[in-house]
Amino acid sequence: MGRPKKQSREPFWRSERNCYYVHHGSTTVRLSPDKDEAWRLWHELMARQPEQEKSLTPTPDIQALVILDSFLDWCQKHKAARTYAWYREYIEKLARSLPAGLRVADFKPFHLTRAMDDHPDWANNSKHNFIAAIKRGFHWAEAEGLIERNPLAHVKKPAREAREMAISPAEYEKILAAISSPNFRDLIELSWETGARFEELRKIEAQYLDRESSRIVLPPKEAKGKKYHRIIYLTPRALEILTRLAVAHPEGPILVNADGNPWTKDAVNCVFSRLTKKLGKKYHLGAFRKGFATEALKSGVDVIGLAHLMGHRDPSMLSRVYAKVQQDPEYMASLARKAKRPREV
């Protein structure tokens, strides 16, 4: 008799049942027909394994995914939910491309490269985040004494690319005309009308809407830095959109996709990717925020006031926007004329 076939340690597809399964001890567990959901359930299953089955005793045979799963367990207990989700997203993407049972001792930079090759749409910023997340997991394991050394200690991350794109009013109208989804249109309009960060927009709930003062008041726990309230002031159009959404979604986030789920960066990126063919270029939400700042400066809003509108505590953060505005000859010429305009007596 031949040697019995080794069971897979990661989810596998059963075409006859149209679903992903995974071997767990002496049983086979049904996961989900959706690949992303199957890997999420698999990681939850791994986290619930008895410690004697999921041994973390440092040995040359310890597996890379066991280490990274243990890092996620630690993040879930000691980090914010958003941070945990960020690490989990990238570790799960790596898990899909790793050979089953790959040991930490055999983990090479090549395995990162192959995982990134599975995502040809990733720009340098996404690759930077991916490598940083995986390196952080192995660094934690080294600090905890679970592995002798971080196999990725000397891997360099690609430099981040500054996103200098700022949407013009003409581009804004063109983009709106290309959007067919009313949910995505709401998100784009609010980004343009308020200049708010994506992470702020996705956290807006009906309870944070102050209609009388035309503003959103995010509590410190939902604001960047988590120390101060974030006030987002609303134009009449923004107030109209948010009032409608607050009625439709009295509980929880009010900016949701067609499935009723809060928008994520990946979901937004996917929509912009689909719009690329219509628009001739790929946009991102940060460009609408920069467009808001650019048009505000051109309209005469002072730097300190604009900094507060955008949630900056330091007006110097707008220096890069200033640099772009200074490249607009028509605007700069208007400033020169304004500078020599006779003062009223």
C-alpha atoms as a PDB file:
ATOM      1  CA  MET A   1       0.000   0.000   0.000  1.00  0.00           C
ATOM      2  CA  GLY A   2       1.180   3.510  -0.789  1.00  0.00           C
ATOM      3  CA  ARG A   3       1.588   6.286   1.701  1.00  0.00           C
ATOM      4  CA  PRO A   4      -1.774   8.007   2.439  1.00  0.00           C
ATOM      5  CA  LYS A   5      -2.286  11.338   0.702  1.00  0.00           C
ATOM      6  CA  LYS A   6      -1.435  14.297   2.930  1.00  0.00           C
ATOM      7  CA  GLN A   7      -4.467  16.386   3.822  1.00  0.00           C
ATOM      8  CA  SER A   8      -4.497  20.051   2.809  1.00  0.00           C
ATOM      9  CA  ARG A   9      -4.161  22.523   5.692  1.00  0.00           C
ATOM     10  CA  GLU A  10      -5.959  25.284   3.796  1.00  0.00           C
ATOM     11  CA  PRO A  11      -9.415  25.556   2.170  1.00  0.00           C
ATOM     12  CA  PHE A  12     -10.008  23.582  -1.016  1.00  0.00           C
ATOM     13  CA  TRP A  13     -12.796  23.662  -3.604  1.00  0.00           C
ATOM     14  CA  ARG A  14     -15.289  20.830  -4.071  1.00  0.00           C
ATOM     15  CA  SER A  15     -16.879  21.369  -7.459  1.00  0.00           C
ATOM     16  CA  GLU A  16     -19.542  18.718  -6.881  1.00  0.00           C
ATOM     17  CA  ARG A  17     -20.836  20.733  -3.912  1.00  0.00           C
ATOM     18  CA  ASN A  18     -19.929  24.204  -5.233  1.00  0.00           C
ATOM     19  CA  CYS A  19     -18.259  25.186  -1.960  1.00  0.00           C
ATOM     20  CA  TYR A  20     -14.915  25.524  -0.134  1.00  0.00           C
ATOM     21  CA  TYR A  21     -14.026  23.022   2.599  1.00  0.00           C
ATOM     22  CA  VAL A  22     -11.098  22.524   4.957  1.00  0.00           C
ATOM     23  CA  HIS A  23      -9.772  19.497   6.853  1.00  0.00           C
ATOM     24  CA  HIS A  24      -9.920  20.129  10.598  1.00  0.00           C
ATOM     25  CA  GLY A  25      -8.529  17.283  12.665  1.00  0.00           C
ATOM     26  CA  SER A  26     -10.459  14.158  11.725  1.00  0.00           C
ATOM     27  CA  THR A  27     -13.392  16.066  10.171  1.00  0.00           C
ATOM     28  CA  THR A  28     -14.019  18.070   7.009  1.00  0.00           C
ATOM     29  CA  VAL A  29     -15.634  21.460   7.629  1.00  0.00           C
ATOM     30  CA  ARG A  30     -17.812  23.288   5.099  1.00  0.00           C
ATOM     31  CA  LEU A  31     -16.826  26.954   4.745  1.00  0.00           C
ATOM     32  CA  SER A  32     -18.449  29.068   2.024  1.00  0.00           C
ATOM     33  CA  PRO A  33     -18.928  29.210  -1.762  1.00  0.00           C
ATOM     34  CA  ASP A  34     -17.264  32.637  -1.691  1.00  0.00           C
ATOM     35  CA  LYS A  35     -13.467  32.459  -1.603  1.00  0.00           C
ATOM     36  CA  ASP A  36     -12.917  35.552   0.572  1.00  0.00           C
ATOM     37  CA  GLU A  37     -15.519  34.406   3.066  1.00  0.00           C
ATOM     38  CA  ALA A  38     -14.070  30.868   3.068  1.00  0.00           C
ATOM     39  CA  TRP A  39     -10.610  32.151   4.002  1.00  0.00           C
ATOM     40  CA  ARG A  40     -12.094  34.396   6.701  1.00  0.00           C
ATOM     41  CA  LEU A  41     -13.950  31.453   8.242  1.00  0.00           C
ATOM     42  CA  TRP A  42     -10.821  29.333   7.984  1.00  0.00           C
ATOM     43  CA  HIS A  43      -8.825  31.871   9.990  1.00  0.00           C
ATOM     44  CA  GLU A  44     -11.560  31.990  12.619  1.00  0.00           C
ATOM     45  CA  LEU A  45     -11.444  28.193  12.809  1.00  0.00           C
ATOM     46  CA  MET A  46      -7.661  28.295  13.235  1.00  0.00           C
ATOM     47  CA  ALA A  47      -8.037  30.829  16.046  1.00  0.00           C
ATOM     48  CA  ARG A  48     -10.400  28.499  17.912  1.00  0.00           C
ATOM     49  CA  GLN A  49      -8.073  25.491  17.734  1.00  0.00           C
ATOM     50  CA  PRO A  50      -6.881  24.138  21.078  1.00  0.00           C
ATOM     51  CA  GLU A  51      -3.413  25.379  21.941  1.00  0.00           C
ATOM     52  CA  GLN A  52      -2.017  21.857  21.851  1.00  0.00           C
ATOM     53  CA  GLU A  53      -3.126  21.571  18.200  1.00  0.00           C
ATOM     54  CA  LYS A  54      -1.888  25.045  17.268  1.00  0.00           C
ATOM     55  CA  SER A  55       1.488  24.764  18.960  1.00  0.00           C
ATOM     56  CA  LEU A  56       3.641  27.850  19.116  1.00  0.00           C
ATOM     57  CA  THR A  57       6.694  26.068  20.416  1.00  0.00           C
ATOM     58  CA  PRO A  58       9.650  27.513  18.480  1.00  0.00           C
ATOM     59  CA  THR A  59      10.885  24.770  16.156  1.00  0.00           C
ATOM     60  CA  PRO A  60      12.528  24.723  12.717  1.00  0.00           C
ATOM     61  CA  ASP A  61       9.282  23.236  11.354  1.00  0.00           C
ATOM     62  CA  ILE A  62       6.931  25.983  12.568  1.00  0.00           C
ATOM     63  CA  GLN A  63       4.716  27.111   9.701  1.00  0.00           C
ATOM     64  CA  ALA A  64       4.545  30.664   8.382  1.00  0.00           C
ATOM     65  CA  LEU A  65       0.740  30.784   8.466  1.00  0.00           C
ATOM     66  CA  VAL A  66       0.634  29.514  12.058  1.00  0.00           C
ATOM     67  CA  ILE A  67       2.899  32.407  13.039  1.00  0.00           C
ATOM     68  CA  LEU A  68       0.861  34.973  11.102  1.00  0.00           C
ATOM     69  CA  ASP A  69      -2.421  33.584  12.455  1.00  0.00           C
ATOM     70  CA  SER A  70      -1.024  33.919  15.967  1.00  0.00           C
ATOM     71  CA  PHE A  71      -0.057  37.504  15.195  1.00  0.00           C
ATOM     72  CA  LEU A  72      -3.659  38.149  14.135  1.00  0.00           C
ATOM     73  CA  ASP A  73      -4.895  36.605  17.382  1.00  0.00           C
ATOM     74  CA  TRP A  74      -2.653  39.041  19.262  1.00  0.00           C
ATOM     75  CA  CYS A  75      -3.854  41.996  17.157  1.00  0.00           C
ATOM     76  CA  GLN A  76      -7.481  41.093  17.809  1.00  0.00           C
ATOM     77  CA  LYS A  77      -6.861  41.235  21.561  1.00  0.00           C
ATOM     78  CA  HIS A  78      -4.533  44.246  21.754  1.00  0.00           C
ATOM     79  CA  LYS A  79      -5.212  46.454  18.725  1.00  0.00           C
ATOM     80  CA  ALA A  80      -8.172  48.462  17.477  1.00  0.00           C
ATOM     81  CA  ALA A  81     -10.661  46.604  15.299  1.00  0.00           C
ATOM     82  CA  ARG A  82      -9.669  48.692  12.286  1.00  0.00           C
ATOM     83  CA  THR A  83      -5.983  47.845  12.764  1.00  0.00           C
ATOM     84  CA  TYR A  84      -6.761  44.154  13.151  1.00  0.00           C
ATOM     85  CA  ALA A  85      -8.862  44.201   9.967  1.00  0.00           C
ATOM     86  CA  TRP A  86      -6.052  45.954   8.078  1.00  0.00           C
ATOM     87  CA  TYR A  87      -3.506  43.268   8.993  1.00  0.00           C
ATOM     88  CA  ARG A  88      -5.987  40.452   8.381  1.00  0.00           C
ATOM     89  CA  GLU A  89      -6.769  41.720   4.881  1.00  0.00           C
ATOM     90  CA  TYR A  90      -3.137  41.511   3.764  1.00  0.00           C
ATOM     91  CA  ILE A  91      -2.294  38.292   5.609  1.00  0.00           C
ATOM     92  CA  GLU A  92      -5.271  36.552   4.025  1.00  0.00           C
ATOM     93  CA  LYS A  93      -4.113  37.700   0.589  1.00  0.00           C
ATOM     94  CA  LEU A  94      -0.707  36.157   1.313  1.00  0.00           C
ATOM     95  CA  ALA A  95      -2.299  32.937   2.617  1.00  0.00           C
ATOM     96  CA  ARG A  96      -4.007  32.332  -0.724  1.00  0.00           C
ATOM     97  CA  SER A  97      -0.710  32.190  -2.599  1.00  0.00           C
ATOM     98  CA  LEU A  98       1.528  30.319  -0.118  1.00  0.00           C
ATOM     99  CA  PRO A  99       2.304  26.614  -0.627  1.00  0.00           C
ATOM    100  CA  ALA A 100       0.520  24.465   1.962  1.00  0.00           C
ATOM    101  CA  GLY A 101       2.596  23.895   5.075  1.00  0.00           C
ATOM    102  CA  LEU A 102       5.355  26.381   4.144  1.00  0.00           C
ATOM    103  CA  ARG A 103       7.793  26.699   7.055  1.00  0.00           C
ATOM    104  CA  VAL A 104       9.084  30.034   8.320  1.00  0.00           C
ATOM    105  CA  ALA A 105      12.592  28.694   7.638  1.00  0.00           C
ATOM    106  CA  ASP A 106      11.657  28.307   3.956  1.00  0.00           C
ATOM    107  CA  PHE A 107       9.848  31.634   3.596  1.00  0.00           C
ATOM    108  CA  LYS A 108      11.567  33.820   0.989  1.00  0.00           C
ATOM    109  CA  PRO A 109      10.979  37.317  -0.431  1.00  0.00           C
ATOM    110  CA  PHE A 110       9.879  35.485  -3.579  1.00  0.00           C
ATOM    111  CA  HIS A 111       6.713  34.436  -1.787  1.00  0.00           C
ATOM    112  CA  LEU A 112       5.807  38.099  -1.294  1.00  0.00           C
ATOM    113  CA  THR A 113       6.548  38.847  -4.938  1.00  0.00           C
ATOM    114  CA  ARG A 114       4.331  36.008  -6.111  1.00  0.00           C
ATOM    115  CA  ALA A 115       1.479  37.161  -3.878  1.00  0.00           C
ATOM    116  CA  MET A 116       1.758  40.712  -5.250  1.00  0.00           C
ATOM    117  CA  ASP A 117       1.795  39.363  -8.805  1.00  0.00           C
ATOM    118  CA  ASP A 118      -1.716  38.060  -8.114  1.00  0.00           C
ATOM    119  CA  HIS A 119      -2.811  41.701  -7.826  1.00  0.00           C
ATOM    120  CA  PRO A 120      -1.595  43.465 -10.986  1.00  0.00           C
ATOM    121  CA  ASP A 121      -3.791  46.475 -10.154  1.00  0.00           C
ATOM    122  CA  TRP A 122      -1.784  47.240  -6.989  1.00  0.00           C
ATOM    123  CA  ALA A 123       0.175  50.482  -7.109  1.00  0.00           C
ATOM    124  CA  ASN A 124       3.254  51.115  -4.980  1.00  0.00           C
ATOM    125  CA  ASN A 125       1.179  52.234  -2.002  1.00  0.00           C
ATOM    126  CA  SER A 126      -0.703  48.921  -1.849  1.00  0.00           C
ATOM    127  CA  LYS A 127       2.530  46.953  -2.245  1.00  0.00           C
ATOM    128  CA  HIS A 128       4.124  49.047   0.497  1.00  0.00           C
ATOM    129  CA  ASN A 129       1.222  48.290   2.863  1.00  0.00           C
ATOM    130  CA  PHE A 130       1.233  44.581   1.999  1.00  0.00           C
ATOM    131  CA  ILE A 131       4.951  44.125   2.690  1.00  0.00           C
ATOM    132  CA  ALA A 132       4.716  46.233   5.858  1.00  0.00           C
ATOM    133  CA  ALA A 133       1.873  44.084   7.230  1.00  0.00           C
ATOM    134  CA  ILE A 134       3.655  40.770   6.639  1.00  0.00           C
ATOM    135  CA  LYS A 135       6.986  42.070   7.961  1.00  0.00           C
ATOM    136  CA  ARG A 136       5.231  43.338  11.078  1.00  0.00           C
ATOM    137  CA  GLY A 137       3.770  39.892  11.744  1.00  0.00           C
ATOM    138  CA  PHE A 138       7.168  38.184  11.587  1.00  0.00           C
ATOM    139  CA  HIS A 139       8.784  41.002  13.586  1.00  0.00           C
ATOM    140  CA  TRP A 140       6.224  40.431  16.352  1.00  0.00           C
ATOM    141  CA  ALA A 141       6.992  36.692  16.327  1.00  0.00           C
ATOM    142  CA  GLU A 142      10.725  37.375  16.588  1.00  0.00           C
ATOM    143  CA  ALA A 143      10.196  39.766  19.508  1.00  0.00           C
ATOM    144  CA  GLU A 144       8.016  37.144  21.238  1.00  0.00           C
ATOM    145  CA  GLY A 145      10.709  34.509  20.809  1.00  0.00           C
ATOM    146  CA  LEU A 146       8.568  32.354  18.523  1.00  0.00           C
ATOM    147  CA  ILE A 147      11.059  32.453  15.656  1.00  0.00           C
ATOM    148  CA  GLU A 148      14.789  33.048  15.669  1.00  0.00           C
ATOM    149  CA  ARG A 149      14.749  35.747  13.010  1.00  0.00           C
ATOM    150  CA  ASN A 150      12.385  37.658  10.783  1.00  0.00           C
ATOM    151  CA  PRO A 151      12.785  36.148   7.288  1.00  0.00           C
ATOM    152  CA  LEU A 152      11.786  39.475   5.758  1.00  0.00           C
ATOM    153  CA  ALA A 153      13.932  41.743   7.930  1.00  0.00           C
ATOM    154  CA  HIS A 154      15.946  43.035   4.967  1.00  0.00           C
ATOM    155  CA  VAL A 155      13.110  43.261   2.438  1.00  0.00           C
ATOM    156  CA  LYS A 156      12.633  46.859   1.305  1.00  0.00           C
ATOM    157  CA  LYS A 157       9.208  48.331   0.756  1.00  0.00           C
ATOM    158  CA  PRO A 158       8.558  50.330  -2.426  1.00  0.00           C
ATOM    159  CA  ALA A 159       8.396  54.056  -1.791  1.00  0.00           C
ATOM    160  CA  ARG A 160       4.948  55.479  -1.346  1.00  0.00           C
ATOM    161  CA  GLU A 161       3.620  57.546  -4.221  1.00  0.00           C
ATOM    162  CA  ALA A 162       2.225  60.937  -3.327  1.00  0.00           C
ATOM    163  CA  ARG A 163      -1.246  61.359  -4.775  1.00  0.00           C
ATOM    164  CA  GLU A 164      -1.115  64.874  -6.182  1.00  0.00           C
ATOM    165  CA  MET A 165      -4.307  64.596  -8.277  1.00  0.00           C
ATOM    166  CA  ALA A 166      -6.894  67.276  -7.537  1.00  0.00           C
ATOM    167  CA  ILE A 167     -10.318  67.120  -9.193  1.00  0.00           C
ATOM    168  CA  SER A 168     -11.397  70.207 -11.133  1.00  0.00           C
ATOM    169  CA  PRO A 169     -15.061  71.270 -11.377  1.00  0.00           C
ATOM    170  CA  ALA A 170     -15.160  70.108 -15.012  1.00  0.00           C
ATOM    171  CA  GLU A 171     -13.730  66.694 -14.079  1.00  0.00           C
ATOM    172  CA  TYR A 172     -16.201  66.418 -11.232  1.00  0.00           C
ATOM    173  CA  GLU A 173     -19.153  66.877 -13.576  1.00  0.00           C
ATOM    174  CA  LYS A 174     -17.690  64.333 -16.014  1.00  0.00           C
ATOM    175  CA  ILE A 175     -17.230  61.768 -13.231  1.00  0.00           C
ATOM    176  CA  LEU A 176     -20.755  62.267 -11.908  1.00  0.00           C
ATOM    177  CA  ALA A 177     -22.156  61.720 -15.396  1.00  0.00           C
ATOM    178  CA  ALA A 178     -20.304  58.386 -15.645  1.00  0.00           C
ATOM    179  CA  ILE A 179     -21.604  57.004 -12.325  1.00  0.00           C
ATOM    180  CA  SER A 180     -24.660  54.771 -12.542  1.00  0.00           C
ATOM    181  CA  SER A 181     -24.819  53.696  -8.880  1.00  0.00           C
ATOM    182  CA  PRO A 182     -26.810  56.159  -6.696  1.00  0.00           C
ATOM    183  CA  ASN A 183     -24.966  54.868  -3.597  1.00  0.00           C
ATOM    184  CA  PHE A 184     -21.569  55.631  -5.089  1.00  0.00           C
ATOM    185  CA  ARG A 185     -22.820  58.970  -6.378  1.00  0.00           C
ATOM    186  CA  ASP A 186     -23.772  59.971  -2.821  1.00  0.00           C
ATOM    187  CA  LEU A 187     -20.267  59.121  -1.639  1.00  0.00           C
ATOM    188  CA  ILE A 188     -18.621  61.118  -4.443  1.00  0.00           C
ATOM    189  CA  GLU A 189     -20.871  64.140  -3.997  1.00  0.00           C
ATOM    190  CA  LEU A 190     -20.237  64.276  -0.261  1.00  0.00           C
ATOM    191  CA  SER A 191     -16.499  63.949  -0.763  1.00  0.00           C
ATOM    192  CA  TRP A 192     -16.558  66.900  -3.188  1.00  0.00           C
ATOM    193  CA  GLU A 193     -19.001  69.008  -1.144  1.00  0.00           C
ATOM    194  CA  THR A 194     -17.287  68.568   2.249  1.00  0.00           C
ATOM    195  CA  GLY A 195     -13.619  67.756   1.615  1.00  0.00           C
ATOM    196  CA  ALA A 196     -13.889  65.124   4.360  1.00  0.00           C
ATOM    197  CA  ARG A 197     -11.589  62.127   4.558  1.00  0.00           C
ATOM    198  CA  PHE A 198     -12.929  58.790   3.368  1.00  0.00           C
ATOM    199  CA  GLU A 199     -12.573  57.294   6.872  1.00  0.00           C
ATOM    200  CA  GLU A 200     -14.705  60.149   8.219  1.00  0.00           C
ATOM    201  CA  LEU A 201     -17.411  59.796   5.585  1.00  0.00           C
ATOM    202  CA  ARG A 202     -17.781  56.050   6.112  1.00  0.00           C
ATOM    203  CA  LYS A 203     -18.348  56.575   9.864  1.00  0.00           C
ATOM    204  CA  ILE A 204     -21.182  59.092   9.563  1.00  0.00           C
ATOM    205  CA  GLU A 205     -24.355  57.988  11.343  1.00  0.00           C
ATOM    206  CA  ALA A 206     -27.736  59.699  11.633  1.00  0.00           C
ATOM    207  CA  GLN A 207     -27.025  60.523  15.282  1.00  0.00           C
ATOM    208  CA  TYR A 208     -24.026  62.660  14.276  1.00  0.00           C
ATOM    209  CA  LEU A 209     -26.034  64.929  11.956  1.00  0.00           C
ATOM    210  CA  ASP A 210     -26.723  68.410  13.375  1.00  0.00           C
ATOM    211  CA  ARG A 211     -29.261  69.733  10.851  1.00  0.00           C
ATOM    212  CA  GLU A 212     -29.818  73.058  12.627  1.00  0.00           C
ATOM    213  CA  SER A 213     -26.134  74.004  12.317  1.00  0.00           C
ATOM    214  CA  SER A 214     -25.571  72.211   8.967  1.00  0.00           C
ATOM    215  CA  ARG A 215     -22.779  70.030  10.231  1.00  0.00           C
ATOM    216  CA  ILE A 216     -21.660  66.554  11.195  1.00  0.00           C
ATOM    217  CA  VAL A 217     -20.153  66.156  14.662  1.00  0.00           C
ATOM    218  CA  LEU A 218     -18.044  63.022  14.933  1.00  0.00           C
ATOM    219  CA  PRO A 219     -17.124  62.092  18.526  1.00  0.00           C
ATOM    220  CA  PRO A 220     -13.411  61.775  19.374  1.00  0.00           C
ATOM    221  CA  LYS A 221     -13.538  57.970  19.211  1.00  0.00           C
ATOM    222  CA  GLU A 222     -14.522  58.228  15.514  1.00  0.00           C
ATOM    223  CA  ALA A 223     -12.172  61.095  14.621  1.00  0.00           C
ATOM    224  CA  LYS A 224      -8.584  61.004  13.434  1.00  0.00           C
ATOM    225  CA  GLY A 225      -6.262  61.032  16.454  1.00  0.00           C
ATOM    226  CA  LYS A 226      -9.228  60.167  18.728  1.00  0.00           C
ATOM    227  CA  LYS A 227      -8.655  63.267  20.899  1.00  0.00           C
ATOM    228  CA  TYR A 228     -11.039  65.880  19.565  1.00  0.00           C
ATOM    229  CA  HIS A 229     -14.438  66.127  17.938  1.00  0.00           C
ATOM    230  CA  ARG A 230     -14.298  66.350  14.151  1.00  0.00           C
ATOM    231  CA  ILE A 231     -16.714  68.932  12.787  1.00  0.00           C
ATOM    232  CA  ILE A 232     -17.660  68.554   9.123  1.00  0.00           C
ATOM    233  CA  TYR A 233     -19.571  71.586   7.849  1.00  0.00           C
ATOM    234  CA  LEU A 234     -22.160  70.989   5.159  1.00  0.00           C
ATOM    235  CA  THR A 235     -23.146  72.840   2.021  1.00  0.00           C
ATOM    236  CA  PRO A 236     -26.874  72.889   1.185  1.00  0.00           C
ATOM    237  CA  ARG A 237     -26.336  69.980  -1.236  1.00  0.00           C
ATOM    238  CA  ALA A 238     -24.420  67.945   1.362  1.00  0.00           C
ATOM    239  CA  LEU A 239     -27.105  68.613   3.978  1.00  0.00           C
ATOM    240  CA  GLU A 240     -29.797  67.510   1.516  1.00  0.00           C
ATOM    241  CA  ILE A 241     -28.000  64.205   0.800  1.00  0.00           C
ATOM    242  CA  LEU A 242     -27.266  63.427   4.450  1.00  0.00           C
ATOM    243  CA  THR A 243     -30.791  64.279   5.594  1.00  0.00           C
ATOM    244  CA  ARG A 244     -32.178  61.809   3.063  1.00  0.00           C
ATOM    245  CA  LEU A 245     -29.681  59.111   4.051  1.00  0.00           C
ATOM    246  CA  ALA A 246     -30.279  59.651   7.778  1.00  0.00           C
ATOM    247  CA  VAL A 247     -33.967  58.914   7.276  1.00  0.00           C
ATOM    248  CA  ALA A 248     -33.183  55.789   5.230  1.00  0.00           C
ATOM    249  CA  HIS A 249     -30.561  54.542   7.732  1.00  0.00           C
ATOM    250  CA  PRO A 250     -31.477  55.657  11.267  1.00  0.00           C
ATOM    251  CA  GLU A 251     -28.975  53.212  12.791  1.00  0.00           C
ATOM    252  CA  GLY A 252     -25.339  52.584  11.859  1.00  0.00           C
ATOM    253  CA  PRO A 253     -23.325  54.054   8.957  1.00  0.00           C
ATOM    254  CA  ILE A 254     -25.512  55.827   6.412  1.00  0.00           C
ATOM    255  CA  LEU A 255     -23.126  55.717   3.444  1.00  0.00           C
ATOM    256  CA  VAL A 256     -23.453  52.144   2.217  1.00  0.00           C
ATOM    257  CA  ASN A 257     -23.081  50.268  -1.054  1.00  0.00           C
ATOM    258  CA  ALA A 258     -25.844  48.551  -3.035  1.00  0.00           C
ATOM    259  CA  ASP A 259     -25.634  45.528  -0.696  1.00  0.00           C
ATOM    260  CA  GLY A 260     -26.225  47.717   2.361  1.00  0.00           C
ATOM    261  CA  ASN A 261     -22.646  47.370   3.632  1.00  0.00           C
ATOM    262  CA  PRO A 262     -20.408  50.316   4.614  1.00  0.00           C
ATOM    263  CA  TRP A 263     -17.992  51.333   1.881  1.00  0.00           C
ATOM    264  CA  THR A 264     -14.425  49.995   2.099  1.00  0.00           C
ATOM    265  CA  LYS A 265     -11.311  51.242   0.324  1.00  0.00           C
ATOM    266  CA  ASP A 266     -11.213  48.083  -1.772  1.00  0.00           C
ATOM    267  CA  ALA A 267     -14.840  48.507  -2.836  1.00  0.00           C
ATOM    268  CA  VAL A 268     -14.269  52.147  -3.793  1.00  0.00           C
ATOM    269  CA  ASN A 269     -11.118  51.191  -5.683  1.00  0.00           C
ATOM    270  CA  CYS A 270     -13.048  48.540  -7.614  1.00  0.00           C
ATOM    271  CA  VAL A 271     -15.675  51.066  -8.717  1.00  0.00           C
ATOM    272  CA  PHE A 272     -13.025  53.541  -9.858  1.00  0.00           C
ATOM    273  CA  SER A 273     -11.286  50.716 -11.732  1.00  0.00           C
ATOM    274  CA  ARG A 274     -14.523  49.936 -13.589  1.00  0.00           C
ATOM    275  CA  LEU A 275     -14.966  53.628 -14.436  1.00  0.00           C
ATOM    276  CA  THR A 276     -11.464  53.923 -15.891  1.00  0.00           C
ATOM    277  CA  LYS A 277     -12.596  52.852 -19.367  1.00  0.00           C
ATOM    278  CA  LYS A 278     -15.323  55.517 -19.428  1.00  0.00           C
ATOM    279  CA  LEU A 279     -13.204  58.292 -17.935  1.00  0.00           C
ATOM    280  CA  GLY A 280      -9.824  57.565 -19.526  1.00  0.00           C
ATOM    281  CA  LYS A 281      -7.992  57.590 -16.170  1.00  0.00           C
ATOM    282  CA  LYS A 282      -8.324  56.116 -12.715  1.00  0.00           C
ATOM    283  CA  TYR A 283      -9.387  58.431  -9.914  1.00  0.00           C
ATOM    284  CA  HIS A 284      -9.327  58.063  -6.124  1.00  0.00           C
ATOM    285  CA  LEU A 285     -11.309  59.707  -3.324  1.00  0.00           C
ATOM    286  CA  GLY A 286      -8.334  61.707  -2.068  1.00  0.00           C
ATOM    287  CA  ALA A 287      -8.426  63.676  -5.337  1.00  0.00           C
ATOM    288  CA  PHE A 288     -11.884  65.022  -4.426  1.00  0.00           C
ATOM    289  CA  ARG A 289     -10.602  66.194  -1.048  1.00  0.00           C
ATOM    290  CA  LYS A 290      -7.684  67.970  -2.759  1.00  0.00           C
ATOM    291  CA  GLY A 291     -10.101  69.405  -5.302  1.00  0.00           C
ATOM    292  CA  PHE A 292     -12.199  70.794  -2.451  1.00  0.00           C
ATOM    293  CA  ALA A 293      -9.125  72.485  -0.961  1.00  0.00           C
ATOM    294  CA  THR A 294      -7.943  73.843  -4.307  1.00  0.00           C
ATOM    295  CA  GLU A 295     -11.296  75.375  -5.213  1.00  0.00           C
ATOM    296  CA  ALA A 296     -11.716  76.798  -1.696  1.00  0.00           C
ATOM    297  CA  LEU A 297      -8.375  78.607  -1.954  1.00  0.00           C
ATOM    298  CA  LYS A 298      -9.279  79.947  -5.383  1.00  0.00           C
ATOM    299  CA  SER A 299     -12.583  81.185  -3.979  1.00  0.00           C
ATOM    300  CA  GLY A 300     -10.778  83.200  -1.330  1.00  0.00           C
ATOM    301  CA  VAL A 301     -11.197  80.973   1.736  1.00  0.00           C
ATOM    302  CA  ASP A 302      -8.348  81.798   4.118  1.00  0.00           C
ATOM    303  CA  VAL A 303      -5.826  79.098   4.981  1.00  0.00           C
ATOM    304  CA  ILE A 304      -6.694  78.894   8.675  1.00  0.00           C
ATOM    305  CA  GLY A 305     -10.407  78.598   7.979  1.00  0.00           C
ATOM    306  CA  LEU A 306      -9.807  75.972   5.292  1.00  0.00           C
ATOM    307  CA  ALA A 307      -7.569  73.981   7.634  1.00  0.00           C
ATOM    308  CA  HIS A 308     -10.424  73.769  10.136  1.00  0.00           C
ATOM    309  CA  LEU A 309     -12.915  72.815   7.426  1.00  0.00           C
ATOM    310  CA  MET A 310     -10.670  69.932   6.381  1.00  0.00           C
ATOM    311  CA  GLY A 311      -9.907  68.725   9.906  1.00  0.00           C
ATOM    312  CA  HIS A 312      -6.272  69.866  10.051  1.00  0.00           C
ATOM    313  CA  ARG A 313      -5.052  71.281  13.335  1.00  0.00           C
ATOM    314  CA  ASP A 314      -1.970  72.666  11.587  1.00  0.00           C
ATOM    315  CA  PRO A 315      -2.536  74.953   8.540  1.00  0.00           C
ATOM    316  CA  SER A 316       0.926  74.040   7.185  1.00  0.00           C
ATOM    317  CA  MET A 317      -0.614  70.762   6.020  1.00  0.00           C
ATOM    318  CA  LEU A 318      -2.095  72.753   3.121  1.00  0.00           C
ATOM    319  CA  SER A 319       1.306  73.806   1.762  1.00  0.00           C
ATOM    320  CA  ARG A 320       1.263  71.126  -0.929  1.00  0.00           C
ATOM    321  CA  VAL A 321      -2.140  72.317  -2.113  1.00  0.00           C
ATOM    322  CA  TYR A 322      -0.772  75.867  -2.224  1.00  0.00           C
ATOM    323  CA  ALA A 323       2.061  74.649  -4.449  1.00  0.00           C
ATOM    324  CA  LYS A 324      -0.483  73.311  -6.949  1.00  0.00           C
ATOM    325  CA  VAL A 325      -2.610  76.441  -6.838  1.00  0.00           C
ATOM    326  CA  GLN A 326       0.468  78.566  -7.567  1.00  0.00           C
ATOM    327  CA  GLN A 327       0.850  76.711 -10.880  1.00  0.00           C
ATOM    328  CA  ASP A 328      -2.483  78.101 -12.111  1.00  0.00           C
ATOM    329  CA  PRO A 329      -1.511  81.272 -14.052  1.00  0.00           C
ATOM    330  CA  GLU A 330      -5.078  82.587 -14.283  1.00  0.00           C
ATOM    331  CA  TYR A 331      -5.568  82.322 -10.541  1.00  0.00           C
ATOM    332  CA  MET A 332      -2.198  83.890  -9.722  1.00  0.00           C
ATOM    333  CA  ALA A 333      -2.871  86.747 -12.157  1.00  0.00           C
ATOM    334  CA  SER A 334      -6.192  87.401 -10.411  1.00  0.00           C
ATOM    335  CA  LEU A 335      -4.330  87.604  -7.094  1.00  0.00           C
ATOM    336  CA  ALA A 336      -1.922  90.123  -8.561  1.00  0.00           C
ATOM    337  CA  ARG A 337      -4.832  92.272  -9.734  1.00  0.00           C
ATOM    338  CA  LYS A 338      -6.479  91.936  -6.344  1.00  0.00           C
ATOM    339  CA  ALA A 339      -3.243  92.973  -4.624  1.00  0.00           C
ATOM    340  CA  LYS A 340      -3.192  96.290  -6.531  1.00  0.00           C
ATOM    341  CA  ARG A 341      -6.941  96.900  -6.424  1.00  0.00           C
ATOM    342  CA  PRO A 342      -7.639 100.394  -5.022  1.00  0.00           C
ATOM    343  CA  ARG A 343      -8.935 100.234  -1.480  1.00  0.00           C
ATOM    344  CA  GLU A 344     -12.305 101.693  -0.688  1.00  0.00           C
ATOM    345  CA  VAL A 345     -12.143 104.774   1.511  1.00  0.00           C
END
